[in-house]
Amino acid sequence: MRTPSPKTTAALGCAALALVALTGCGSTATSAPGTSAAGSTAATAGRTVALDESADRTRITVGPGTTVRVDLHSTYWSAVTSSAPDRLAPAGAPATSASPSCRPGAGCGTVTTAFTALAAGSARLTAQRTSCGEAKPCPPDQQTFTVDVEVTP
């Protein structure tokens, strides 16, 4: 049996890493090391918790100083808002990035909104949409995105 060349071994390693990375690209909540994407574990201050559609209707717990970033994968979503900006404040302006390979009207792209946990208490993050594609209304259960955030000292 022939031994693979170093280039072949490196290419296979890169392919395996790419497969692992793509596995996480679906609609799962992601987080930086030491943080909580969903559940009841508090995230460490100064960290970032990254959420997406898979976090819809969940509850997370974070500490003061934590950044909560929400990436919704359709440009039909509104920017996410906080019900309590004195506890979970917007961290800059929302950003919308359209996918260059998307056909017009498909809504391909991302709406990203970030918040900073300031003080202990509860806040609800929400976003809305009415369209799930060109002339395609969203079913009622896909029109609203909500995540309850508990900021604990």
Protein backbone atom coordinates (compact mmCIF):
# COMPACT_ATOMS: atom_id res chain seq x y z
CA MET A 1 0.00 0.00 0.00
CA ARG A 2 1.28 3.44 -0.95
CA THR A 3 1.91 6.07 1.77
CA PRO A 4 0.09 9.36 1.06
CA SER A 5 2.26 12.37 0.31
CA PRO A 6 2.45 15.23 2.83
CA LYS A 7 0.31 17.37 0.46
CA THR A 8 -2.36 14.66 0.31
CA THR A 9 -2.32 14.27 4.09
CA ALA A 10 -2.63 18.04 4.55
CA ALA A 11 -5.48 18.22 2.02
CA LEU A 12 -7.36 15.42 3.77
CA GLY A 13 -6.85 17.13 7.13
CA CYS A 14 -8.18 20.41 5.72
CA ALA A 15 -11.16 18.61 4.21
CA ALA A 16 -11.94 16.98 7.56
CA LEU A 17 -11.72 20.35 9.35
CA ALA A 18 -13.96 21.94 6.73
CA LEU A 19 -16.52 19.17 7.21
CA VAL A 20 -16.50 19.70 10.97
CA ALA A 21 -16.88 23.47 10.47
CA LEU A 22 -19.74 23.03 8.01
CA THR A 23 -21.51 20.68 10.39
CA GLY A 24 -21.82 23.62 12.76
CA CYS A 25 -23.10 26.01 10.09
CA GLY A 26 -26.74 24.94 10.09
CA SER A 27 -29.11 26.68 12.42
CA THR A 28 -27.40 26.05 15.70
CA ALA A 29 -26.53 28.54 18.37
CA THR A 30 -22.80 29.08 18.72
CA SER A 31 -20.69 30.68 21.36
CA ALA A 32 -17.15 31.66 22.09
CA PRO A 33 -15.18 29.56 24.60
CA GLY A 34 -16.33 30.14 28.15
CA THR A 35 -19.79 31.30 27.12
CA SER A 36 -23.28 29.87 27.01
CA ALA A 37 -25.34 29.82 23.82
CA ALA A 38 -28.49 28.56 25.46
CA GLY A 39 -29.44 27.12 28.79
CA SER A 40 -28.96 28.32 32.32
CA THR A 41 -25.19 28.62 32.61
CA ALA A 42 -23.94 32.17 33.05
CA ALA A 43 -21.48 33.47 30.49
CA THR A 44 -18.32 35.11 31.75
CA ALA A 45 -18.21 38.92 31.56
CA GLY A 46 -16.33 40.23 28.54
CA ARG A 47 -17.26 37.23 26.39
CA THR A 48 -19.58 36.93 23.40
CA VAL A 49 -22.60 34.68 23.14
CA ALA A 50 -23.60 34.13 19.49
CA LEU A 51 -27.19 33.12 18.75
CA ASP A 52 -29.13 32.34 15.59
CA GLU A 53 -32.55 30.97 14.66
CA SER A 54 -32.01 27.77 16.61
CA ALA A 55 -32.10 29.80 19.85
CA ASP A 56 -35.68 30.92 19.14
CA ARG A 57 -37.95 30.55 22.18
CA THR A 58 -35.07 29.75 24.54
CA ARG A 59 -33.66 31.35 27.69
CA ILE A 60 -30.01 32.17 28.28
CA THR A 61 -28.17 33.49 31.32
CA VAL A 62 -25.22 35.87 30.99
CA GLY A 63 -23.13 38.03 33.27
CA PRO A 64 -22.69 41.80 33.08
CA GLY A 65 -20.26 42.81 30.34
CA THR A 66 -21.21 39.88 28.10
CA THR A 67 -21.98 40.66 24.45
CA VAL A 68 -25.00 38.83 23.04
CA ARG A 69 -24.83 38.72 19.22
CA VAL A 70 -27.83 37.54 17.20
CA ASP A 71 -27.31 36.48 13.56
CA LEU A 72 -30.59 35.85 11.72
CA HIS A 73 -30.09 34.24 8.34
CA SER A 74 -32.54 36.10 6.13
CA THR A 75 -32.67 39.75 5.18
CA TYR A 76 -36.44 39.61 5.72
CA TRP A 77 -35.88 39.72 9.52
CA SER A 78 -36.12 43.05 11.31
CA ALA A 79 -33.24 44.08 13.52
CA VAL A 80 -33.47 42.46 16.94
CA THR A 81 -34.65 44.73 19.76
CA SER A 82 -34.28 44.51 23.53
CA SER A 83 -37.28 44.91 25.83
CA ALA A 84 -34.99 46.34 28.53
CA PRO A 85 -32.16 48.43 27.04
CA ASP A 86 -31.14 49.51 30.55
CA ARG A 87 -30.17 45.85 31.23
CA LEU A 88 -29.37 44.58 27.72
CA ALA A 89 -28.30 47.58 25.60
CA PRO A 90 -27.71 47.72 21.83
CA ALA A 91 -23.98 47.57 21.05
CA GLY A 92 -23.82 49.57 17.84
CA ALA A 93 -26.13 49.67 14.87
CA PRO A 94 -27.68 46.51 13.40
CA ALA A 95 -25.95 45.28 10.24
CA THR A 96 -27.50 43.63 7.21
CA SER A 97 -25.29 41.77 4.77
CA ALA A 98 -26.77 40.38 1.57
CA SER A 99 -25.30 37.35 -0.10
CA PRO A 100 -23.78 38.31 -3.48
CA SER A 101 -24.75 34.99 -5.07
CA CYS A 102 -28.40 35.33 -4.13
CA ARG A 103 -31.11 35.85 -6.68
CA PRO A 104 -33.16 39.03 -6.17
CA GLY A 105 -36.09 38.67 -3.78
CA ALA A 106 -34.76 35.54 -2.06
CA GLY A 107 -33.74 37.31 1.15
CA CYS A 108 -30.32 35.63 1.25
CA GLY A 109 -28.07 37.24 3.80
CA THR A 110 -27.79 37.97 7.49
CA VAL A 111 -29.20 40.53 9.90
CA THR A 112 -26.80 40.90 12.85
CA THR A 113 -27.58 42.79 16.05
CA ALA A 114 -25.40 42.89 19.17
CA PHE A 115 -26.21 43.80 22.76
CA THR A 116 -24.18 44.35 25.92
CA ALA A 117 -25.40 43.00 29.25
CA LEU A 118 -25.28 45.96 31.63
CA ALA A 119 -27.21 45.15 34.80
CA ALA A 120 -28.91 42.27 36.56
CA GLY A 121 -32.45 41.49 35.46
CA SER A 122 -34.43 40.09 32.55
CA ALA A 123 -34.80 41.23 28.96
CA ARG A 124 -36.43 39.76 25.88
CA LEU A 125 -34.81 39.96 22.46
CA THR A 126 -37.28 39.98 19.56
CA ALA A 127 -37.34 40.26 15.77
CA GLN A 128 -40.16 39.93 13.25
CA ARG A 129 -40.70 39.09 9.62
CA THR A 130 -43.74 38.50 7.45
CA SER A 131 -42.05 37.10 4.37
CA CYS A 132 -40.07 33.88 4.15
CA GLY A 133 -39.17 34.39 0.50
CA GLU A 134 -40.28 36.29 -2.55
CA ALA A 135 -44.09 36.49 -2.27
CA LYS A 136 -44.01 33.66 0.27
CA PRO A 137 -45.67 34.56 3.59
CA CYS A 138 -44.19 33.02 6.73
CA PRO A 139 -46.28 30.59 8.75
CA PRO A 140 -47.23 32.10 12.14
CA ASP A 141 -44.61 30.07 14.04
CA GLN A 142 -41.81 31.53 11.84
CA GLN A 143 -42.79 35.21 12.03
CA THR A 144 -41.27 36.06 15.42
CA PHE A 145 -37.87 35.35 16.96
CA THR A 146 -37.61 35.63 20.76
CA VAL A 147 -34.94 34.83 23.31
CA ASP A 148 -35.26 35.57 27.01
CA VAL A 149 -32.02 36.78 28.56
CA GLU A 150 -31.32 36.78 32.28
CA VAL A 151 -28.40 38.95 33.35
CA THR A 152 -27.04 37.74 36.68
CA PRO A 153 -24.41 39.44 38.80
